[in-house]
Amino acid sequence: MAAALFAVQDSFGKKAWTEYARTAGVPDISPFTECMKAESTVAAIANDLSLARRLDVGFTPTLLINGWRYPTSLGPDSIKRLAQEVIAGRAPFPRRKGINASAQLIKRATQ
């Protein structure tokens, strides 16, 4: 269902979530509807939205690697290269100097 949602995210709010579920092939909409109404679901979404606001994440996908934020869709090879740079202790963008503001923001938001 995630792939189906990402493909149509520009149309969110224009039709009911149950229609997206049907399009994605959810066979029984009743459990889906109950899950959407559950207090735990509403709380989880509220928590995710709050964290996204604190991290200044305004769209998906946004990739976070060890405090570095990539607000773009990257291919697997790019993600692997960036992760290797971070694991090796190097800045993924070596031409950037100074403290990574995104990393500081992420550190504060997740503490």
Protein backbone atom coordinates (compact mmCIF):
# COMPACT_ATOMS: atom_id res chain seq x y z
CA MET A 1 0.00 0.00 0.00
CA ALA A 2 2.92 2.38 0.68
CA ALA A 3 3.96 2.34 -2.98
CA ALA A 4 0.40 3.08 -4.05
CA LEU A 5 0.24 6.03 -1.64
CA PHE A 6 3.57 7.50 -2.71
CA ALA A 7 2.43 7.32 -6.32
CA VAL A 8 -0.61 9.51 -5.63
CA GLN A 9 0.50 11.67 -2.72
CA ASP A 10 -0.21 14.84 -4.69
CA SER A 11 -3.92 13.96 -4.55
CA PHE A 12 -4.22 13.45 -0.77
CA GLY A 13 -7.34 15.05 0.59
CA LYS A 14 -9.20 14.73 -2.69
CA LYS A 15 -10.72 11.33 -1.92
CA ALA A 16 -11.34 9.14 1.11
CA TRP A 17 -8.51 7.02 2.54
CA THR A 18 -10.68 3.95 2.02
CA GLU A 19 -10.55 4.63 -1.72
CA TYR A 20 -6.76 4.57 -1.60
CA ALA A 21 -6.96 1.29 0.31
CA ARG A 22 -9.27 -0.23 -2.29
CA THR A 23 -6.99 0.93 -5.09
CA ALA A 24 -4.03 -0.63 -3.28
CA GLY A 25 -5.88 -3.94 -3.07
CA VAL A 26 -6.93 -4.04 0.59
CA PRO A 27 -9.49 -6.87 0.49
CA ASP A 28 -11.54 -5.93 3.58
CA ILE A 29 -11.99 -2.22 4.28
CA SER A 30 -13.65 -2.70 7.71
CA PRO A 31 -10.42 -3.49 9.64
CA PHE A 32 -8.70 -0.67 7.75
CA THR A 33 -11.42 1.79 8.82
CA GLU A 34 -11.30 0.60 12.44
CA CYS A 35 -7.53 0.97 12.48
CA MET A 36 -7.83 4.54 11.16
CA LYS A 37 -10.26 5.42 13.98
CA ALA A 38 -8.28 3.77 16.79
CA GLU A 39 -6.91 6.11 19.46
CA SER A 40 -3.48 4.49 19.14
CA THR A 41 -3.41 5.27 15.41
CA VAL A 42 -4.46 8.87 15.94
CA ALA A 43 -1.80 9.25 18.68
CA ALA A 44 0.93 7.70 16.51
CA ILE A 45 0.11 10.04 13.64
CA ALA A 46 0.08 13.06 15.97
CA ASN A 47 3.50 12.04 17.34
CA ASP A 48 4.91 11.57 13.83
CA LEU A 49 3.58 14.95 12.71
CA SER A 50 5.05 16.65 15.76
CA LEU A 51 8.48 15.11 15.12
CA ALA A 52 8.29 16.01 11.42
CA ARG A 53 7.57 19.63 12.33
CA ARG A 54 10.49 19.72 14.80
CA LEU A 55 12.79 18.26 12.14
CA ASP A 56 11.42 20.63 9.50
CA VAL A 57 10.41 17.69 7.29
CA GLY A 58 7.72 18.88 4.92
CA PHE A 59 7.46 16.05 2.44
CA THR A 60 8.25 12.43 1.77
CA PRO A 61 10.53 10.85 1.27
CA THR A 62 13.05 12.60 3.49
CA LEU A 63 16.08 10.53 4.33
CA LEU A 64 18.03 10.97 7.58
CA ILE A 65 21.46 9.38 7.91
CA ASN A 66 23.28 9.97 11.19
CA GLY A 67 21.95 13.50 11.52
CA TRP A 68 22.31 14.47 7.86
CA ARG A 69 19.04 15.26 6.14
CA TYR A 70 18.37 14.55 2.47
CA PRO A 71 15.02 16.09 1.48
CA THR A 72 14.95 14.35 -1.85
CA SER A 73 14.40 10.98 -3.37
CA LEU A 74 17.73 9.23 -3.75
CA GLY A 75 18.46 6.01 -5.58
CA PRO A 76 19.89 2.97 -3.80
CA ASP A 77 23.44 3.61 -5.06
CA SER A 78 23.39 7.19 -3.76
CA ILE A 79 22.02 6.12 -0.38
CA LYS A 80 24.72 3.43 -0.11
CA ARG A 81 27.49 5.92 -0.95
CA LEU A 82 26.19 8.47 1.58
CA ALA A 83 25.88 5.83 4.29
CA GLN A 84 29.42 4.61 3.60
CA GLU A 85 30.75 8.16 3.94
CA VAL A 86 28.99 8.65 7.27
CA ILE A 87 30.07 5.22 8.59
CA ALA A 88 33.66 6.09 7.65
CA GLY A 89 33.39 9.25 9.74
CA ARG A 90 33.39 11.62 6.78
CA ALA A 91 30.84 14.29 5.97
CA PRO A 92 28.68 13.11 3.09
CA PHE A 93 29.16 16.54 1.50
CA PRO A 94 32.88 17.26 1.97
CA ARG A 95 32.69 20.72 0.40
CA ARG A 96 30.35 21.92 3.16
CA LYS A 97 32.16 23.44 6.12
CA GLY A 98 31.02 24.03 9.68
CA ILE A 99 28.32 22.40 11.74
CA ASN A 100 25.52 20.68 9.90
CA ALA A 101 22.43 22.62 11.00
CA SER A 102 20.16 19.72 10.13
CA ALA A 103 22.16 17.38 12.37
CA GLN A 104 21.87 19.80 15.27
CA LEU A 105 18.14 20.22 14.71
CA ILE A 106 17.63 16.45 14.52
CA LYS A 107 19.66 15.90 17.69
CA ARG A 108 17.56 18.44 19.63
CA ALA A 109 14.24 17.17 18.24
CA THR A 110 14.87 13.54 19.13
CA GLN A 111 16.22 14.08 22.66
